[in-house]
Amino acid sequence: MSPTPRYREIAERIGARIAAGEFPVGSLLPGEHALAREHGAARGTIRNALAQLGRRGIVAPRPGAGWIVQSSLHTQGLSAFGSFAQWAAGRGMVPGGRVVDERETPATAEEARLLRTAQGRPVLRITRLRSLDGHTVMVERSLYPEWVAPAIRDLDPHTPSYAAVLSAAGHAEAFGSHRIDAVAASSEDARLLGVRRSSPLLRVHRQAFARDGRPIDLSEDRYLPGSVSFEAVSSPSLGGAGGAWSRTIG
């Protein structure tokens, strides 16, 4: 595995300090010279680190003043909500995935109903650990029906984006549904995520559908606290009760 570029390491350190409140929203970061001295890096490396934070929407250049903190969160619209990897890459982060379990089992009655297959028909179950810039943020458990499974069965365990593989195979996600709640970490969650059993986790139930309405997958994601947040925005222009969802980091 290639080492993390120096500018990414520095960006993560500065971002962590912003998230911790050391540099509040609206404040100026220390100058490039000061940051270069602090991190023992060239100014060009510091500029690259700040530019990466800028692409994430955390900081912005202020002509004649330096870099100002815009937010400790990074927002992503619902149009890319279904793909963790595409969303992360679009924010200048490196998405990662590692398969920890893959097996074919008979569909339960509820799984068969949601995947529109027959109870007892085989479904592919894949459990993956997902990461951002090398840091684990969640465990993802997905089910794939028979008509989709051949496209992703026995992939490289570190494949970062199953959505991209499925799209290339003609199974692109056209729309999806999402339900968010909280859950206590199970024994398996605790082992995989390195937390105590019963620790609070953010849980996202997802289901993706093809353009013709057929289910592509059924997933449950369990996020570490403080790693990812979700935001819903509503307004009269969005139809009153309607709204736009977004995923944020922080």
Protein backbone atom coordinates (compact mmCIF):
# COMPACT_ATOMS: atom_id res chain seq x y z
CA MET A 1 0.00 0.00 0.00
CA SER A 2 1.41 3.40 -0.98
CA PRO A 3 2.00 5.87 1.88
CA THR A 4 -0.50 8.67 2.42
CA PRO A 5 0.68 11.87 0.69
CA ARG A 6 2.06 14.42 3.11
CA TYR A 7 -0.47 17.09 2.15
CA ARG A 8 -3.34 14.70 2.93
CA GLU A 9 -1.92 14.03 6.39
CA ILE A 10 -1.68 17.75 7.07
CA ALA A 11 -5.19 18.36 5.71
CA GLU A 12 -6.54 15.71 8.09
CA ARG A 13 -4.76 17.29 11.05
CA ILE A 14 -6.05 20.77 10.26
CA GLY A 15 -9.53 19.39 9.59
CA ALA A 16 -9.52 17.58 12.94
CA ARG A 17 -8.59 20.81 14.73
CA ILE A 18 -11.44 22.61 12.96
CA ALA A 19 -13.88 19.84 13.91
CA ALA A 20 -12.68 20.07 17.52
CA GLY A 21 -13.48 23.80 17.58
CA GLU A 22 -9.91 25.10 17.77
CA PHE A 23 -10.59 27.15 14.63
CA PRO A 24 -14.30 28.12 14.73
CA VAL A 25 -16.39 28.91 11.67
CA GLY A 26 -15.62 32.43 10.45
CA SER A 27 -12.10 32.52 11.87
CA LEU A 28 -8.88 32.75 9.90
CA LEU A 29 -6.42 29.89 9.90
CA PRO A 30 -2.79 30.61 10.73
CA GLY A 31 -0.83 31.82 7.71
CA GLU A 32 0.91 29.46 5.31
CA HIS A 33 4.34 30.32 6.75
CA ALA A 34 3.17 29.51 10.28
CA LEU A 35 1.54 26.25 9.19
CA ALA A 36 4.66 25.29 7.23
CA ARG A 37 6.82 25.79 10.32
CA GLU A 38 4.35 23.97 12.56
CA HIS A 39 4.16 20.91 10.29
CA GLY A 40 7.74 20.98 9.05
CA ALA A 41 6.55 21.13 5.46
CA ALA A 42 7.08 23.27 2.38
CA ARG A 43 4.59 26.03 1.63
CA GLY A 44 3.55 24.19 -1.53
CA THR A 45 2.55 21.18 0.58
CA ILE A 46 0.55 23.44 2.89
CA ARG A 47 -1.20 25.03 -0.10
CA ASN A 48 -2.15 21.57 -1.38
CA ALA A 49 -3.52 20.63 2.05
CA LEU A 50 -5.57 23.83 2.24
CA ALA A 51 -6.80 23.34 -1.31
CA GLN A 52 -8.04 19.87 -0.39
CA LEU A 53 -9.92 21.29 2.60
CA GLY A 54 -11.29 23.93 0.24
CA ARG A 55 -12.63 21.26 -2.13
CA ARG A 56 -14.43 19.72 0.83
CA GLY A 57 -16.05 23.06 1.65
CA ILE A 58 -14.32 23.39 5.02
CA VAL A 59 -12.18 26.46 4.25
CA ALA A 60 -12.08 29.12 1.55
CA PRO A 61 -9.36 31.56 0.46
CA ARG A 62 -9.88 35.18 1.50
CA PRO A 63 -7.88 37.51 -0.81
CA GLY A 64 -5.28 39.41 1.14
CA ALA A 65 -6.17 37.68 4.40
CA GLY A 66 -5.53 33.95 4.08
CA TRP A 67 -7.89 31.02 4.55
CA ILE A 68 -11.17 31.36 6.44
CA VAL A 69 -13.05 28.49 8.07
CA GLN A 70 -16.42 28.00 6.36
CA SER A 71 -17.69 24.88 8.06
CA SER A 72 -16.63 21.82 10.00
CA LEU A 73 -19.00 19.76 7.84
CA HIS A 74 -19.02 18.73 4.17
CA THR A 75 -22.39 18.56 2.45
CA GLN A 76 -23.48 16.27 -0.35
CA GLY A 77 -26.79 16.27 -2.19
CA LEU A 78 -29.17 13.33 -2.47
CA SER A 79 -28.32 12.78 -6.13
CA ALA A 80 -25.06 11.11 -5.04
CA PHE A 81 -26.37 9.79 -1.71
CA GLY A 82 -26.61 6.25 -3.00
CA SER A 83 -22.89 5.94 -3.73
CA PHE A 84 -20.59 6.34 -0.75
CA ALA A 85 -17.48 6.08 -2.96
CA GLN A 86 -18.59 8.66 -5.53
CA TRP A 87 -19.70 11.06 -2.83
CA ALA A 88 -16.38 10.77 -0.98
CA ALA A 89 -14.26 11.12 -4.12
CA GLY A 90 -16.25 14.19 -5.11
CA ARG A 91 -15.16 15.82 -1.86
CA GLY A 92 -11.48 15.06 -2.37
CA MET A 93 -11.46 12.15 0.06
CA VAL A 94 -10.23 8.64 -0.64
CA PRO A 95 -13.03 6.08 -0.17
CA GLY A 96 -12.12 2.57 0.86
CA GLY A 97 -13.83 -0.77 1.24
CA ARG A 98 -12.79 -4.15 2.58
CA VAL A 99 -14.93 -7.28 2.42
CA VAL A 100 -14.98 -9.13 5.74
CA ASP A 101 -17.68 -11.66 4.83
CA GLU A 102 -19.33 -12.85 1.62
CA ARG A 103 -21.79 -15.70 1.38
CA GLU A 104 -24.91 -16.88 -0.42
CA THR A 105 -27.92 -17.72 1.76
CA PRO A 106 -31.67 -18.28 1.30
CA ALA A 107 -33.78 -15.11 1.41
CA THR A 108 -36.00 -14.70 4.46
CA ALA A 109 -39.65 -13.81 3.97
CA GLU A 110 -38.98 -10.10 4.62
CA GLU A 111 -35.89 -10.02 2.41
CA ALA A 112 -37.81 -11.75 -0.37
CA ARG A 113 -40.58 -9.16 -0.12
CA LEU A 114 -38.17 -6.23 -0.32
CA LEU A 115 -36.03 -7.73 -3.09
CA ARG A 116 -39.11 -9.00 -4.97
CA THR A 117 -37.94 -12.56 -5.11
CA ALA A 118 -39.24 -15.81 -3.66
CA GLN A 119 -38.59 -16.82 -0.08
CA GLY A 120 -35.72 -19.28 0.00
CA ARG A 121 -34.17 -18.07 -3.26
CA PRO A 122 -30.43 -17.36 -2.95
CA VAL A 123 -29.26 -13.84 -2.13
CA LEU A 124 -25.65 -12.67 -1.92
CA ARG A 125 -24.73 -11.22 1.49
CA ILE A 126 -21.66 -9.02 1.67
CA THR A 127 -20.30 -7.28 4.77
CA ARG A 128 -17.73 -4.54 4.18
CA LEU A 129 -15.84 -2.06 6.29
CA ARG A 130 -15.92 1.38 4.65
CA SER A 131 -13.33 4.09 5.19
CA LEU A 132 -12.53 7.71 4.37
CA ASP A 133 -8.88 8.65 3.85
CA GLY A 134 -7.86 5.39 5.50
CA HIS A 135 -10.05 5.80 8.60
CA THR A 136 -12.88 3.31 9.15
CA VAL A 137 -16.24 5.07 9.46
CA MET A 138 -18.84 2.33 9.11
CA VAL A 139 -19.74 -1.29 8.53
CA GLU A 140 -21.96 -1.94 5.51
CA ARG A 141 -24.12 -5.06 5.20
CA SER A 142 -25.70 -5.53 1.78
CA LEU A 143 -27.96 -8.07 0.10
CA TYR A 144 -28.04 -8.59 -3.67
CA PRO A 145 -30.71 -10.54 -5.60
CA GLU A 146 -29.88 -13.29 -8.09
CA TRP A 147 -30.12 -11.07 -11.14
CA VAL A 148 -27.46 -8.68 -9.77
CA ALA A 149 -25.17 -11.01 -7.78
CA PRO A 150 -23.06 -12.36 -10.69
CA ALA A 151 -21.72 -8.85 -11.39
CA ILE A 152 -20.13 -8.49 -7.95
CA ARG A 153 -19.53 -12.02 -6.72
CA ASP A 154 -15.87 -12.66 -5.80
CA LEU A 155 -14.64 -9.14 -6.58
CA ASP A 156 -11.32 -7.94 -5.20
CA PRO A 157 -12.07 -7.51 -1.46
CA HIS A 158 -10.72 -3.94 -1.59
CA THR A 159 -12.92 -2.78 -4.49
CA PRO A 160 -13.85 0.79 -3.45
CA SER A 161 -17.14 1.15 -5.33
CA TYR A 162 -19.63 -1.64 -5.97
CA ALA A 163 -21.98 0.98 -7.41
CA ALA A 164 -19.47 1.66 -10.20
CA VAL A 165 -19.11 -2.06 -10.92
CA LEU A 166 -22.88 -2.52 -11.04
CA SER A 167 -23.31 0.52 -13.28
CA ALA A 168 -20.70 -0.83 -15.70
CA ALA A 169 -22.62 -4.13 -15.75
CA GLY A 170 -25.83 -2.33 -16.71
CA HIS A 171 -27.32 -2.18 -13.21
CA ALA A 172 -27.06 1.56 -12.51
CA GLU A 173 -29.05 2.93 -9.58
CA ALA A 174 -31.88 5.19 -10.78
CA PHE A 175 -33.44 5.99 -7.40
CA GLY A 176 -33.38 4.81 -3.82
CA SER A 177 -35.00 4.94 -0.41
CA HIS A 178 -33.33 5.71 2.92
CA ARG A 179 -34.35 5.42 6.55
CA ILE A 180 -32.16 6.66 9.40
CA ASP A 181 -32.21 5.74 13.08
CA ALA A 182 -29.89 4.87 15.96
CA VAL A 183 -28.88 1.42 17.16
CA ALA A 184 -26.68 -0.12 19.84
CA ALA A 185 -23.55 -1.83 18.53
CA SER A 186 -23.82 -5.61 18.36
CA SER A 187 -20.94 -7.87 19.32
CA GLU A 188 -19.94 -8.09 15.66
CA ASP A 189 -20.20 -4.31 15.23
CA ALA A 190 -17.98 -3.85 18.27
CA ARG A 191 -15.36 -6.23 16.90
CA LEU A 192 -15.33 -4.71 13.42
CA LEU A 193 -15.48 -1.05 14.42
CA GLY A 194 -13.34 -1.22 17.54
CA VAL A 195 -15.99 0.09 19.94
CA ARG A 196 -17.66 -1.25 23.05
CA ARG A 197 -20.68 -3.49 22.65
CA SER A 198 -23.91 -1.44 22.94
CA SER A 199 -22.11 1.77 21.91
CA PRO A 200 -24.46 4.08 19.95
CA LEU A 201 -24.19 3.89 16.16
CA LEU A 202 -25.99 5.78 13.41
CA ARG A 203 -27.89 3.30 11.24
CA VAL A 204 -28.96 3.93 7.65
CA HIS A 205 -31.27 1.51 5.87
CA ARG A 206 -30.87 1.86 2.10
CA GLN A 207 -32.46 0.28 -0.93
CA ALA A 208 -31.47 1.00 -4.53
CA PHE A 209 -33.62 0.44 -7.60
CA ALA A 210 -32.91 0.18 -11.31
CA ARG A 211 -34.66 2.39 -13.84
CA ASP A 212 -37.29 -0.30 -14.44
CA GLY A 213 -38.07 -0.42 -10.72
CA ARG A 214 -36.35 -3.71 -9.91
CA PRO A 215 -34.44 -3.76 -6.60
CA ILE A 216 -30.65 -3.74 -7.00
CA ASP A 217 -29.68 -4.15 -3.37
CA LEU A 218 -30.80 -3.84 0.23
CA SER A 219 -28.28 -2.43 2.70
CA GLU A 220 -27.83 -1.48 6.31
CA ASP A 221 -24.94 0.85 7.17
CA ARG A 222 -23.78 1.41 10.75
CA TYR A 223 -21.65 4.53 11.21
CA LEU A 224 -19.31 5.38 14.05
CA PRO A 225 -20.56 8.35 16.09
CA GLY A 226 -19.04 11.64 14.99
CA SER A 227 -17.95 10.30 11.60
CA VAL A 228 -20.91 11.14 9.37
CA SER A 229 -24.05 13.21 9.80
CA PHE A 230 -27.15 13.49 7.64
CA GLU A 231 -29.14 16.64 7.04
CA ALA A 232 -32.62 17.24 5.62
CA VAL A 233 -33.61 20.60 4.19
CA SER A 234 -37.19 21.55 3.37
CA SER A 235 -38.78 24.68 1.95
CA PRO A 236 -42.00 25.74 0.20
CA SER A 237 -40.17 25.49 -3.13
CA LEU A 238 -39.57 21.81 -2.41
CA GLY A 239 -43.24 21.12 -1.93
CA GLY A 240 -43.73 21.81 1.77
CA ALA A 241 -43.50 18.32 3.15
CA GLY A 242 -40.83 17.40 0.65
CA GLY A 243 -37.16 18.08 1.06
CA ALA A 244 -33.61 17.46 0.04
CA TRP A 245 -31.33 15.12 1.93
CA SER A 246 -27.61 15.52 2.32
CA ARG A 247 -24.75 13.59 3.89
CA THR A 248 -22.09 15.42 5.88
CA ILE A 249 -18.87 14.54 7.63
CA GLY A 250 -18.34 15.50 11.24
